[in-house]
Protein backbone atom coordinates (compact mmCIF):
# COMPACT_ATOMS: atom_id res chain seq x y z
CA UNK A 1 99.78 65.31 55.01
CA UNK A 2 100.96 62.83 52.35
CA UNK A 3 104.18 64.80 51.86
CA UNK A 4 104.78 64.79 55.64
CA UNK A 5 104.41 61.01 55.81
CA UNK A 6 106.69 60.58 52.79
CA UNK A 7 109.36 62.74 54.45
CA UNK A 8 108.96 60.86 57.72
CA UNK A 9 109.31 57.49 55.95
CA UNK A 10 112.46 58.62 54.13
CA UNK A 11 113.85 59.89 57.41
CA UNK A 12 113.21 56.66 59.30
CA UNK A 13 114.59 54.54 56.46
CA UNK A 14 117.72 56.69 56.45
CA UNK A 15 118.09 56.11 60.17
CA UNK A 16 117.77 52.35 59.76
CA UNK A 17 120.13 52.16 56.79
CA UNK A 18 122.78 54.17 58.58
CA UNK A 19 123.32 51.36 61.07
CA UNK A 20 125.15 51.80 64.36
CA UNK A 21 126.58 55.14 63.27
CA UNK A 22 123.17 56.68 63.93
CA UNK A 23 122.09 54.56 66.89
CA UNK A 24 119.37 56.47 68.68
CA UNK A 25 118.11 58.79 65.97
CA UNK A 26 114.82 60.58 65.30
CA UNK A 27 113.21 63.76 64.01
CA UNK A 28 114.17 66.90 65.93
CA UNK A 29 111.93 69.56 67.37
CA UNK A 30 111.82 72.81 65.40
CA UNK A 31 114.14 75.50 66.82
CA UNK A 32 112.67 78.72 68.21
CA UNK A 33 112.62 81.76 65.97
CA UNK A 34 114.99 84.60 66.91
CA UNK A 35 113.60 86.93 69.53
CA UNK A 36 113.33 90.72 69.40
CA UNK A 37 116.63 92.56 69.32
CA UNK A 38 117.44 93.99 72.78
CA UNK A 39 117.86 97.74 73.07
CA UNK A 40 121.06 97.65 75.14
CA UNK A 41 124.31 95.81 75.59
CA UNK A 42 123.98 92.94 78.09
CA UNK A 43 126.50 91.05 80.20
CA UNK A 44 125.54 87.44 80.89
CA UNK A 45 126.90 85.27 83.70
CA UNK A 46 126.61 81.56 82.81
CA UNK A 47 126.85 79.10 85.72
CA UNK A 48 126.76 75.30 85.63
CA UNK A 49 128.58 72.13 84.65
CA UNK A 50 130.31 70.99 81.46
CA UNK A 51 127.08 71.15 79.43
CA UNK A 52 126.86 74.86 80.20
CA UNK A 53 130.48 75.25 79.16
CA UNK A 54 129.75 73.58 75.84
CA UNK A 55 126.69 75.78 75.31
CA UNK A 56 128.87 78.81 76.06
CA UNK A 57 131.33 77.65 73.40
CA UNK A 58 128.62 78.10 70.75
CA UNK A 59 126.50 80.89 72.25
CA UNK A 60 128.60 83.96 71.25
CA UNK A 61 128.38 82.98 67.59
CA UNK A 62 124.63 82.44 67.77
CA UNK A 63 124.11 85.78 69.55
CA UNK A 64 126.26 87.59 66.98
CA UNK A 65 124.41 85.95 64.10
CA UNK A 66 121.13 87.25 65.54
CA UNK A 67 122.54 90.76 66.01
CA UNK A 68 122.48 90.54 69.80
CA UNK A 69 125.12 92.64 71.55
CA UNK A 70 126.26 90.79 74.67
CA UNK A 71 129.32 89.83 76.65
CA UNK A 72 129.27 86.28 78.00
CA UNK A 73 131.09 85.38 81.23
CA UNK A 74 131.49 81.61 81.23
CA UNK A 75 131.77 80.46 84.87
CA UNK A 76 130.93 76.77 84.43
CA UNK A 77 132.86 74.11 86.37
CA UNK A 78 133.13 70.65 84.83
CA UNK A 79 131.56 67.87 86.89
CA UNK A 80 130.01 70.30 89.37
CA UNK A 81 126.55 70.19 90.85
CA UNK A 82 124.36 71.58 93.58
CA UNK A 83 125.87 69.34 96.27
CA UNK A 84 129.47 69.79 97.39
CA UNK A 85 132.15 72.35 96.47
CA UNK A 86 132.20 74.16 93.13
CA UNK A 87 135.54 75.42 91.86
CA UNK A 88 137.48 76.84 94.78
CA UNK A 89 134.32 77.57 96.78
CA UNK A 90 132.67 75.34 99.41
CA UNK A 91 129.25 75.28 97.75
CA UNK A 92 127.32 76.13 94.61
CA UNK A 93 125.76 79.13 96.37
CA UNK A 94 129.18 80.41 97.39
CA UNK A 95 130.43 80.01 93.80
CA UNK A 96 127.48 82.02 92.45
CA UNK A 97 127.98 84.73 95.10
CA UNK A 98 131.69 84.94 94.27
CA UNK A 99 131.05 85.28 90.54
CA UNK A 100 128.38 87.94 91.00
CA UNK A 101 130.64 89.95 93.29
CA UNK A 102 133.64 89.54 90.94
CA UNK A 103 131.62 90.73 87.94
CA UNK A 104 129.45 93.67 89.02
CA UNK A 105 128.74 94.46 85.36
CA UNK A 106 126.56 91.33 85.07
CA UNK A 107 122.88 92.11 84.40
CA UNK A 108 121.62 88.59 83.54
CA UNK A 109 122.32 85.13 84.99
CA UNK A 110 121.66 81.75 83.38
CA UNK A 111 122.11 78.50 85.32
CA UNK A 112 122.24 74.81 84.35
CA UNK A 113 123.22 71.81 86.46
CA UNK A 114 122.32 68.45 84.94
CA UNK A 115 122.79 66.34 88.07
CA UNK A 116 126.47 65.49 88.56
CA UNK A 117 127.75 64.90 92.11
CA UNK A 118 131.38 63.99 92.83
CA UNK A 119 131.07 63.53 96.59
CA UNK A 120 127.67 61.84 96.92
CA UNK A 121 127.86 58.72 99.07
CA UNK A 122 130.95 59.90 100.92
CA UNK A 123 130.94 60.92 104.58
CA UNK A 124 128.68 63.92 105.13
CA UNK A 125 127.02 63.72 101.71
CA UNK A 126 123.78 62.00 100.66
CA UNK A 127 123.65 58.87 98.54
CA UNK A 128 123.25 59.76 94.88
CA UNK A 129 119.62 59.64 93.80
CA UNK A 130 118.24 59.22 97.34
CA UNK A 131 115.35 61.18 98.82
CA UNK A 132 117.89 63.19 100.81
CA UNK A 133 119.88 63.88 97.64
CA UNK A 134 116.82 65.26 95.84
CA UNK A 135 115.75 67.34 98.84
CA UNK A 136 119.25 68.80 99.26
CA UNK A 137 119.50 69.54 95.54
CA UNK A 138 116.18 71.38 95.67
CA UNK A 139 117.07 73.36 98.81
CA UNK A 140 120.40 74.49 97.37
CA UNK A 141 118.86 75.52 94.05
CA UNK A 142 116.20 77.64 95.71
CA UNK A 143 118.82 79.28 97.97
CA UNK A 144 120.74 80.39 94.85
CA UNK A 145 117.60 81.80 93.27
CA UNK A 146 116.70 83.63 96.50
CA UNK A 147 120.16 85.22 96.51
CA UNK A 148 119.91 86.34 92.87
CA UNK A 149 116.39 87.66 93.34
CA UNK A 150 117.55 89.63 96.38
CA UNK A 151 120.26 91.18 94.21
CA UNK A 152 117.66 92.14 91.61
CA UNK A 153 119.31 90.04 88.90
CA UNK A 154 117.11 88.55 86.16
CA UNK A 155 117.82 84.82 86.01
CA UNK A 156 116.93 81.83 83.86
CA UNK A 157 117.19 78.26 85.16
CA UNK A 158 117.71 75.94 82.20
CA UNK A 159 115.49 72.90 81.76
CA UNK A 160 118.36 70.40 81.37
CA UNK A 161 118.39 67.64 78.75
CA UNK A 162 118.22 63.96 79.71
CA UNK A 163 121.38 61.87 79.52
CA UNK A 164 121.76 58.52 77.79
CA UNK A 165 124.22 56.81 80.12
CA UNK A 166 124.98 56.46 83.82
CA UNK A 167 128.34 57.08 85.45
CA UNK A 168 129.25 53.39 85.45
CA UNK A 169 129.61 53.65 81.66
CA UNK A 170 130.89 57.23 81.47
CA UNK A 171 134.49 58.24 82.16
CA UNK A 172 133.77 60.95 84.71
CA UNK A 173 134.86 61.93 88.19
CA UNK A 174 131.24 62.68 89.10
CA UNK A 175 128.29 60.39 89.56
CA UNK A 176 125.43 60.74 87.10
CA UNK A 177 122.44 58.50 86.46
CA UNK A 178 119.83 58.34 83.72
CA UNK A 179 116.83 57.93 86.03
CA UNK A 180 117.96 60.50 88.60
CA UNK A 181 118.77 63.16 86.02
CA UNK A 182 115.32 62.62 84.54
CA UNK A 183 113.83 63.28 87.98
CA UNK A 184 115.88 66.46 88.22
CA UNK A 185 114.74 67.54 84.75
CA UNK A 186 111.15 67.26 85.93
CA UNK A 187 111.89 69.22 89.14
CA UNK A 188 113.61 71.94 87.11
CA UNK A 189 110.66 72.30 84.79
CA UNK A 190 108.07 72.27 87.58
CA UNK A 191 109.89 74.29 90.25
CA UNK A 192 113.26 75.88 89.46
CA UNK A 193 112.47 77.40 86.05
CA UNK A 194 109.20 79.11 87.03
CA UNK A 195 110.66 80.26 90.37
CA UNK A 196 113.63 81.77 88.52
CA UNK A 197 111.53 83.80 86.06
CA UNK A 198 108.57 83.68 83.71
CA UNK A 199 110.97 82.84 80.87
CA UNK A 200 112.37 79.37 80.22
CA UNK A 201 115.26 77.98 78.20
CA UNK A 202 114.45 74.40 77.28
CA UNK A 203 117.49 72.30 76.41
CA UNK A 204 115.32 69.23 76.96
CA UNK A 205 113.33 70.12 73.84
CA UNK A 206 116.48 71.15 71.97
CA UNK A 207 118.13 67.75 72.38
CA UNK A 208 115.22 65.29 72.32
CA UNK A 209 112.96 64.16 69.50
CA UNK A 210 109.36 65.18 68.80
CA UNK A 211 108.26 62.63 71.44
CA UNK A 212 110.65 64.18 74.00
CA UNK A 213 112.84 61.08 74.08
CA UNK A 214 116.64 61.07 74.41
CA UNK A 215 118.43 60.74 71.07
CA UNK A 216 122.10 60.81 70.10
CA UNK A 217 121.30 61.90 66.55
CA UNK A 218 118.55 64.18 65.29
CA UNK A 219 117.22 64.89 61.82
CA UNK A 220 116.82 68.58 60.95
CA UNK A 221 117.80 70.96 58.15
CA UNK A 222 117.41 68.01 55.74
CA UNK A 223 120.32 66.09 57.29
CA UNK A 224 121.31 63.90 60.23
CA UNK A 225 123.25 65.56 63.04
CA UNK A 226 125.04 63.92 65.97
CA UNK A 227 124.07 66.17 68.88
CA UNK A 228 125.34 64.09 71.82
CA UNK A 229 128.90 62.84 72.22
CA UNK A 230 129.81 59.16 72.22
CA UNK A 231 129.61 59.08 76.03
CA UNK A 232 125.86 59.88 75.63
CA UNK A 233 126.12 62.76 78.10
CA UNK A 234 128.13 65.61 76.59
CA UNK A 235 127.34 67.73 73.53
CA UNK A 236 128.88 67.85 70.10
CA UNK A 237 129.30 71.12 68.21
CA UNK A 238 125.89 70.56 66.60
CA UNK A 239 124.35 69.84 69.99
CA UNK A 240 125.89 72.94 71.55
CA UNK A 241 124.63 75.06 68.66
CA UNK A 242 121.11 73.76 69.26
CA UNK A 243 121.17 74.59 72.97
CA UNK A 244 122.59 78.02 72.09
CA UNK A 245 119.62 78.72 69.79
CA UNK A 246 117.18 78.03 72.62
CA UNK A 247 119.37 80.00 75.04
CA UNK A 248 119.45 83.04 72.76
CA UNK A 249 115.66 83.05 72.47
CA UNK A 250 115.22 82.68 76.23
CA UNK A 251 117.61 85.55 76.90
CA UNK A 252 115.89 87.76 74.34
CA UNK A 253 112.48 87.05 75.91
CA UNK A 254 113.85 87.76 79.39
CA UNK A 255 115.31 91.10 78.30
CA UNK A 256 112.00 92.13 76.78
CA UNK A 257 110.36 91.58 80.16
CA UNK A 258 112.95 93.47 82.24
CA UNK A 259 114.24 97.06 82.17
CA UNK A 260 117.39 97.38 80.01
CA UNK A 261 120.74 98.12 81.69
CA UNK A 262 122.18 101.58 81.33
CA UNK A 263 124.58 100.58 78.57
CA UNK A 264 123.99 101.70 74.95
CA UNK A 265 123.44 99.14 72.22
CA UNK A 266 126.56 98.80 70.09
CA UNK A 267 128.41 95.84 68.69
CA UNK A 268 131.66 97.56 69.70
CA UNK A 269 131.28 96.79 73.40
CA UNK A 270 133.64 93.76 73.18
CA UNK A 271 134.73 91.07 74.50
CA UNK A 272 132.32 88.38 73.39
CA UNK A 273 133.46 85.68 75.84
CA UNK A 274 135.23 85.85 79.21
CA UNK A 275 136.42 82.59 80.81
CA UNK A 276 135.82 82.65 84.56
CA UNK A 277 135.54 78.89 85.12
CA UNK A 278 136.89 75.79 83.40
CA UNK A 279 138.05 75.78 79.80
CA UNK A 280 136.04 73.84 77.23
CA UNK A 281 136.38 72.64 73.67
CA UNK A 282 134.14 70.44 71.55
CA UNK A 283 134.75 67.41 69.37
CA UNK A 284 132.09 65.51 67.48
CA UNK A 285 132.88 62.22 69.21
CA UNK A 286 134.04 63.04 72.71
CA UNK A 287 132.17 66.27 73.37
CA UNK A 288 134.97 67.55 75.64
């Protein structure tokens, strides 16, 4: 216990001495251990906004490092959400249906939408953060899960991380708000994730401190790491690697609970990443 308190004191002093460069910093939650190695090659369809794209940037490397044989189809769309068009489709449900139909080899789906809405407040769309907004968001999410369940596709709905800034301080074409996204995080954890499957992938835990509070910088592996970009919304490379660790464990757990696809396990099944949505790259400061 004494050694723990000594380490904690050193950590907090380091945070204070670092000044503004580590504004918003705390001790990180421990990452999950690697799951059991799946017995077959898997093809994953990843749907969501820019945070999913950044996770997908890091996920192939994490899967490979754990010996998991999988092809990842990245179909995220930056700034998208569950209200309004996604990509070239009129709705999020239509986008998911299109991607599933375009990639019949997919055997697993993972979804994350943090709460962005480009059209909210405009004619025909609810005001961002309103009761109607939350109800519409919920209805559209459950419609997507009903569609995937009807297709017999195992699916994980990510428990999204909180954000540290609202759209009035973030250069973005979509609205986003600290309080509203926190509400959506709670709805995801209570409703979407368990309705999707018995397995969860918790980016909230990956990117918050041991008290589950938003932080830009986290202390783990005996060093400080900036996990959120300077806009307080997007991920850095370190942040994307953390979400990928949780994603890999969630996928592994899901595959243990579902029958394997009829594809043999071999690391020769190529390609590791297929871009079906927006492109993404990461930078420690800007995230995108």
